[in-house]
Amino acid sequence: MEQNINLLISGKNSGASLPEFLAAMGFEARLLGGPRPMAEALETLAGAAGKILLMGTTHHGQHLLLEDRDELLGAVREKRILTFTRARHTDALAVTLGDESGISWYNYYRDGKMQRSVTFEDAEPDETGRPIPFEKNGVEPHKVLAAYCDNWKNLQKLEWEVFTCRNV
């Protein structure tokens, strides 16, 4: 079974701290270690048999969370994203990185609504919702990620904190 990593990114103007964003996403988190380079933190996530671990960092005012999951973003987490964006009058991007398929899906949320969903399973992407400003260079996920936050290579250079957590 493919392992998925959910990348959740807050809007630049959310006004929330990283601990507030963690709590809003439904995590009761305790700092385990860090900061660590992404490659080392991802190895920690992959080797966390039986534990729920999460990586987090802040970059240019946006909070980024990496969550290692068997499934895609669940309904409970999505509901929390909707609540967060509505309460903060901000936006958020959720991206799924598959260990076999690369970025396979992204959803864009704004003010309590999912504005856009794009899935890459076949040759042509499955698109729901109207195009968003972050797709000005196309719907290819790496381009959307770069337009919304930063390019993947730069995100890999960031230092990440590792949290042990439980879902609340």
C-alpha atoms as a PDB file:
ATOM      1  CA  MET A   1       0.000   0.000   0.000  1.00  0.00           C
ATOM      2  CA  GLU A   2       1.283   3.436  -0.915  1.00  0.00           C
ATOM      3  CA  GLN A   3       2.140   5.692   1.981  1.00  0.00           C
ATOM      4  CA  ASN A   4       0.814   9.229   1.717  1.00  0.00           C
ATOM      5  CA  ILE A   5       2.125  12.358   3.333  1.00  0.00           C
ATOM      6  CA  ASN A   6      -0.371  15.168   3.757  1.00  0.00           C
ATOM      7  CA  LEU A   7       1.126  18.646   3.527  1.00  0.00           C
ATOM      8  CA  LEU A   8      -1.107  21.304   5.087  1.00  0.00           C
ATOM      9  CA  ILE A   9      -0.170  24.948   4.520  1.00  0.00           C
ATOM     10  CA  SER A  10      -1.816  27.906   6.194  1.00  0.00           C
ATOM     11  CA  GLY A  11      -2.388  31.195   4.449  1.00  0.00           C
ATOM     12  CA  LYS A  12       0.184  33.951   4.859  1.00  0.00           C
ATOM     13  CA  ASN A  13      -2.240  36.201   6.706  1.00  0.00           C
ATOM     14  CA  SER A  14      -3.833  33.684   9.052  1.00  0.00           C
ATOM     15  CA  GLY A  15      -2.712  35.465  12.227  1.00  0.00           C
ATOM     16  CA  ALA A  16      -2.187  32.110  13.957  1.00  0.00           C
ATOM     17  CA  SER A  17       0.985  30.812  15.570  1.00  0.00           C
ATOM     18  CA  LEU A  18       2.271  27.327  14.736  1.00  0.00           C
ATOM     19  CA  PRO A  19       0.822  25.893  18.004  1.00  0.00           C
ATOM     20  CA  GLU A  20      -2.531  27.533  17.198  1.00  0.00           C
ATOM     21  CA  PHE A  21      -2.470  26.068  13.683  1.00  0.00           C
ATOM     22  CA  LEU A  22      -1.642  22.605  15.097  1.00  0.00           C
ATOM     23  CA  ALA A  23      -4.568  22.850  17.525  1.00  0.00           C
ATOM     24  CA  ALA A  24      -6.905  24.148  14.804  1.00  0.00           C
ATOM     25  CA  MET A  25      -6.024  21.125  12.644  1.00  0.00           C
ATOM     26  CA  GLY A  26      -6.971  18.838  15.527  1.00  0.00           C
ATOM     27  CA  PHE A  27      -3.573  17.854  16.870  1.00  0.00           C
ATOM     28  CA  GLU A  28      -2.644  17.781  20.519  1.00  0.00           C
ATOM     29  CA  ALA A  29       1.077  18.011  19.873  1.00  0.00           C
ATOM     30  CA  ARG A  30       4.178  17.853  22.018  1.00  0.00           C
ATOM     31  CA  LEU A  31       7.576  18.798  20.636  1.00  0.00           C
ATOM     32  CA  LEU A  32       9.714  15.684  20.247  1.00  0.00           C
ATOM     33  CA  GLY A  33      12.768  17.189  18.612  1.00  0.00           C
ATOM     34  CA  GLY A  34      14.184  19.477  16.068  1.00  0.00           C
ATOM     35  CA  PRO A  35      14.950  21.406  14.159  1.00  0.00           C
ATOM     36  CA  ARG A  36      15.924  18.770  11.616  1.00  0.00           C
ATOM     37  CA  PRO A  37      16.498  18.773   7.880  1.00  0.00           C
ATOM     38  CA  MET A  38      13.503  17.475   5.973  1.00  0.00           C
ATOM     39  CA  ALA A  39      15.192  14.229   4.880  1.00  0.00           C
ATOM     40  CA  GLU A  40      16.023  13.329   8.489  1.00  0.00           C
ATOM     41  CA  ALA A  41      12.577  14.321   9.734  1.00  0.00           C
ATOM     42  CA  LEU A  42      10.897  12.244   6.988  1.00  0.00           C
ATOM     43  CA  GLU A  43      12.985   9.223   8.046  1.00  0.00           C
ATOM     44  CA  THR A  44      11.764   9.777  11.598  1.00  0.00           C
ATOM     45  CA  LEU A  45       8.168   9.881  10.338  1.00  0.00           C
ATOM     46  CA  ALA A  46       8.623   6.702   8.303  1.00  0.00           C
ATOM     47  CA  GLY A  47      10.114   4.821  11.251  1.00  0.00           C
ATOM     48  CA  ALA A  48       7.419   5.792  13.733  1.00  0.00           C
ATOM     49  CA  ALA A  49       5.746   2.402  13.987  1.00  0.00           C
ATOM     50  CA  GLY A  50       2.649   2.785  16.139  1.00  0.00           C
ATOM     51  CA  LYS A  51       3.264   6.450  17.002  1.00  0.00           C
ATOM     52  CA  ILE A  52       1.578   9.457  15.509  1.00  0.00           C
ATOM     53  CA  LEU A  53       4.236  11.906  14.489  1.00  0.00           C
ATOM     54  CA  LEU A  54       3.950  15.194  12.716  1.00  0.00           C
ATOM     55  CA  MET A  55       6.475  17.645  11.296  1.00  0.00           C
ATOM     56  CA  GLY A  56       5.961  21.374  11.349  1.00  0.00           C
ATOM     57  CA  THR A  57       7.700  24.569  10.374  1.00  0.00           C
ATOM     58  CA  THR A  58       6.963  28.180   9.548  1.00  0.00           C
ATOM     59  CA  HIS A  59       8.157  29.700   6.288  1.00  0.00           C
ATOM     60  CA  HIS A  60       7.477  33.281   5.169  1.00  0.00           C
ATOM     61  CA  GLY A  61       4.576  33.541   7.624  1.00  0.00           C
ATOM     62  CA  GLN A  62       2.945  30.297   6.509  1.00  0.00           C
ATOM     63  CA  HIS A  63       2.742  27.238   8.741  1.00  0.00           C
ATOM     64  CA  LEU A  64       3.490  23.902   7.109  1.00  0.00           C
ATOM     65  CA  LEU A  65       2.560  20.527   8.573  1.00  0.00           C
ATOM     66  CA  LEU A  66       3.599  17.127   7.235  1.00  0.00           C
ATOM     67  CA  GLU A  67       1.525  14.174   8.389  1.00  0.00           C
ATOM     68  CA  ASP A  68       2.382  10.597   7.350  1.00  0.00           C
ATOM     69  CA  ARG A  69      -0.847   8.736   6.596  1.00  0.00           C
ATOM     70  CA  ASP A  70      -2.104   5.605   4.900  1.00  0.00           C
ATOM     71  CA  GLU A  71      -5.088   7.516   3.560  1.00  0.00           C
ATOM     72  CA  LEU A  72      -5.648  10.888   1.990  1.00  0.00           C
ATOM     73  CA  LEU A  73      -6.849  13.862   3.986  1.00  0.00           C
ATOM     74  CA  GLY A  74      -9.837  12.658   6.005  1.00  0.00           C
ATOM     75  CA  ALA A  75     -13.232  14.292   6.494  1.00  0.00           C
ATOM     76  CA  VAL A  76     -12.453  15.342  10.075  1.00  0.00           C
ATOM     77  CA  ARG A  77      -9.218  17.115   9.077  1.00  0.00           C
ATOM     78  CA  GLU A  78     -10.949  18.750   6.118  1.00  0.00           C
ATOM     79  CA  LYS A  79     -13.714  20.008   8.407  1.00  0.00           C
ATOM     80  CA  ARG A  80     -11.052  21.552  10.644  1.00  0.00           C
ATOM     81  CA  ILE A  81      -9.425  23.266   7.661  1.00  0.00           C
ATOM     82  CA  LEU A  82     -12.801  24.695   6.668  1.00  0.00           C
ATOM     83  CA  THR A  83     -13.414  25.947  10.212  1.00  0.00           C
ATOM     84  CA  PHE A  84      -9.920  27.472  10.422  1.00  0.00           C
ATOM     85  CA  THR A  85     -10.196  29.325   7.114  1.00  0.00           C
ATOM     86  CA  ARG A  86     -13.685  30.584   7.993  1.00  0.00           C
ATOM     87  CA  ALA A  87     -12.702  31.795  11.483  1.00  0.00           C
ATOM     88  CA  ARG A  88      -9.458  33.436  10.314  1.00  0.00           C
ATOM     89  CA  HIS A  89     -10.765  34.759   6.958  1.00  0.00           C
ATOM     90  CA  THR A  90      -7.793  33.161   5.276  1.00  0.00           C
ATOM     91  CA  ASP A  91      -6.912  30.391   2.897  1.00  0.00           C
ATOM     92  CA  ALA A  92      -5.119  27.049   3.106  1.00  0.00           C
ATOM     93  CA  LEU A  93      -3.707  24.476   0.743  1.00  0.00           C
ATOM     94  CA  ALA A  94      -3.725  20.723   1.353  1.00  0.00           C
ATOM     95  CA  VAL A  95      -1.451  18.580  -0.805  1.00  0.00           C
ATOM     96  CA  THR A  96      -0.926  14.816  -0.768  1.00  0.00           C
ATOM     97  CA  LEU A  97       2.516  13.470  -1.580  1.00  0.00           C
ATOM     98  CA  GLY A  98       2.549   9.761  -2.415  1.00  0.00           C
ATOM     99  CA  ASP A  99       5.789   7.821  -2.020  1.00  0.00           C
ATOM    100  CA  GLU A 100       5.166   6.150  -5.389  1.00  0.00           C
ATOM    101  CA  SER A 101       3.234   8.776  -7.343  1.00  0.00           C
ATOM    102  CA  GLY A 102       4.625  12.111  -6.147  1.00  0.00           C
ATOM    103  CA  ILE A 103       2.080  14.897  -5.638  1.00  0.00           C
ATOM    104  CA  SER A 104      -1.223  13.285  -6.514  1.00  0.00           C
ATOM    105  CA  TRP A 105      -3.830  15.724  -5.231  1.00  0.00           C
ATOM    106  CA  TYR A 106      -4.414  19.200  -3.870  1.00  0.00           C
ATOM    107  CA  ASN A 107      -7.330  21.141  -2.418  1.00  0.00           C
ATOM    108  CA  TYR A 108      -7.512  24.882  -1.973  1.00  0.00           C
ATOM    109  CA  TYR A 109      -9.732  26.338   0.763  1.00  0.00           C
ATOM    110  CA  ARG A 110     -10.789  29.941   1.341  1.00  0.00           C
ATOM    111  CA  ASP A 111     -13.097  31.452   3.983  1.00  0.00           C
ATOM    112  CA  GLY A 112     -14.643  28.152   5.031  1.00  0.00           C
ATOM    113  CA  LYS A 113     -15.192  26.691   1.566  1.00  0.00           C
ATOM    114  CA  MET A 114     -13.292  24.331  -0.644  1.00  0.00           C
ATOM    115  CA  GLN A 115     -12.683  26.405  -3.754  1.00  0.00           C
ATOM    116  CA  ARG A 116     -10.697  23.942  -5.838  1.00  0.00           C
ATOM    117  CA  SER A 117      -9.769  20.263  -5.929  1.00  0.00           C
ATOM    118  CA  VAL A 118      -7.414  18.704  -8.470  1.00  0.00           C
ATOM    119  CA  THR A 119      -6.515  15.004  -8.533  1.00  0.00           C
ATOM    120  CA  PHE A 120      -3.811  13.426 -10.674  1.00  0.00           C
ATOM    121  CA  GLU A 121      -4.514   9.722 -11.101  1.00  0.00           C
ATOM    122  CA  ASP A 122      -4.896   9.411 -14.849  1.00  0.00           C
ATOM    123  CA  ALA A 123      -3.318  11.177 -17.812  1.00  0.00           C
ATOM    124  CA  GLU A 124      -5.660  14.152 -17.404  1.00  0.00           C
ATOM    125  CA  PRO A 125      -6.251  15.791 -14.019  1.00  0.00           C
ATOM    126  CA  ASP A 126      -9.720  15.578 -12.460  1.00  0.00           C
ATOM    127  CA  GLU A 127     -10.652  19.181 -11.608  1.00  0.00           C
ATOM    128  CA  THR A 128     -13.450  20.488  -9.401  1.00  0.00           C
ATOM    129  CA  GLY A 129     -14.159  24.181  -8.830  1.00  0.00           C
ATOM    130  CA  ARG A 130     -13.003  27.284 -10.607  1.00  0.00           C
ATOM    131  CA  PRO A 131      -9.344  27.959 -11.358  1.00  0.00           C
ATOM    132  CA  ILE A 132      -7.504  29.801  -8.589  1.00  0.00           C
ATOM    133  CA  PRO A 133      -4.848  32.531  -8.884  1.00  0.00           C
ATOM    134  CA  PHE A 134      -2.122  30.052  -7.884  1.00  0.00           C
ATOM    135  CA  GLU A 135      -2.757  28.125 -11.122  1.00  0.00           C
ATOM    136  CA  LYS A 136      -1.627  30.966 -13.382  1.00  0.00           C
ATOM    137  CA  ASN A 137       1.213  28.707 -14.613  1.00  0.00           C
ATOM    138  CA  GLY A 138      -1.047  25.635 -14.875  1.00  0.00           C
ATOM    139  CA  VAL A 139      -2.582  23.024 -12.565  1.00  0.00           C
ATOM    140  CA  GLU A 140       0.596  20.951 -12.243  1.00  0.00           C
ATOM    141  CA  PRO A 141       0.913  20.543  -8.447  1.00  0.00           C
ATOM    142  CA  HIS A 142       4.543  21.669  -8.139  1.00  0.00           C
ATOM    143  CA  LYS A 143       3.678  24.924  -9.906  1.00  0.00           C
ATOM    144  CA  VAL A 144       0.664  25.510  -7.650  1.00  0.00           C
ATOM    145  CA  LEU A 145       2.758  24.759  -4.561  1.00  0.00           C
ATOM    146  CA  ALA A 146       5.455  27.205  -5.731  1.00  0.00           C
ATOM    147  CA  ALA A 147       2.878  29.921  -6.428  1.00  0.00           C
ATOM    148  CA  TYR A 148       1.121  29.406  -3.072  1.00  0.00           C
ATOM    149  CA  CYS A 149       4.116  28.959  -0.801  1.00  0.00           C
ATOM    150  CA  ASP A 150       7.503  28.106  -2.332  1.00  0.00           C
ATOM    151  CA  ASN A 151       9.002  25.522  -4.626  1.00  0.00           C
ATOM    152  CA  TRP A 152       9.486  21.982  -3.377  1.00  0.00           C
ATOM    153  CA  LYS A 153      13.299  22.208  -3.451  1.00  0.00           C
ATOM    154  CA  ASN A 154      13.254  25.211  -1.122  1.00  0.00           C
ATOM    155  CA  LEU A 155      10.775  23.521   1.236  1.00  0.00           C
ATOM    156  CA  GLN A 156      13.127  20.545   1.468  1.00  0.00           C
ATOM    157  CA  LYS A 157      15.880  22.867   2.701  1.00  0.00           C
ATOM    158  CA  LEU A 158      13.816  24.068   5.668  1.00  0.00           C
ATOM    159  CA  GLU A 159      14.420  22.905   9.208  1.00  0.00           C
ATOM    160  CA  TRP A 160      11.446  20.979  10.609  1.00  0.00           C
ATOM    161  CA  GLU A 161      10.373  20.260  14.173  1.00  0.00           C
ATOM    162  CA  VAL A 162       9.031  16.802  14.957  1.00  0.00           C
ATOM    163  CA  PHE A 163       5.986  16.505  17.197  1.00  0.00           C
ATOM    164  CA  THR A 164       4.435  13.500  18.838  1.00  0.00           C
ATOM    165  CA  CYS A 165       0.713  13.954  18.880  1.00  0.00           C
ATOM    166  CA  ARG A 166      -2.691  12.516  19.166  1.00  0.00           C
ATOM    167  CA  ASN A 167      -5.770  13.518  17.263  1.00  0.00           C
ATOM    168  CA  VAL A 168      -8.338  15.436  19.291  1.00  0.00           C
END
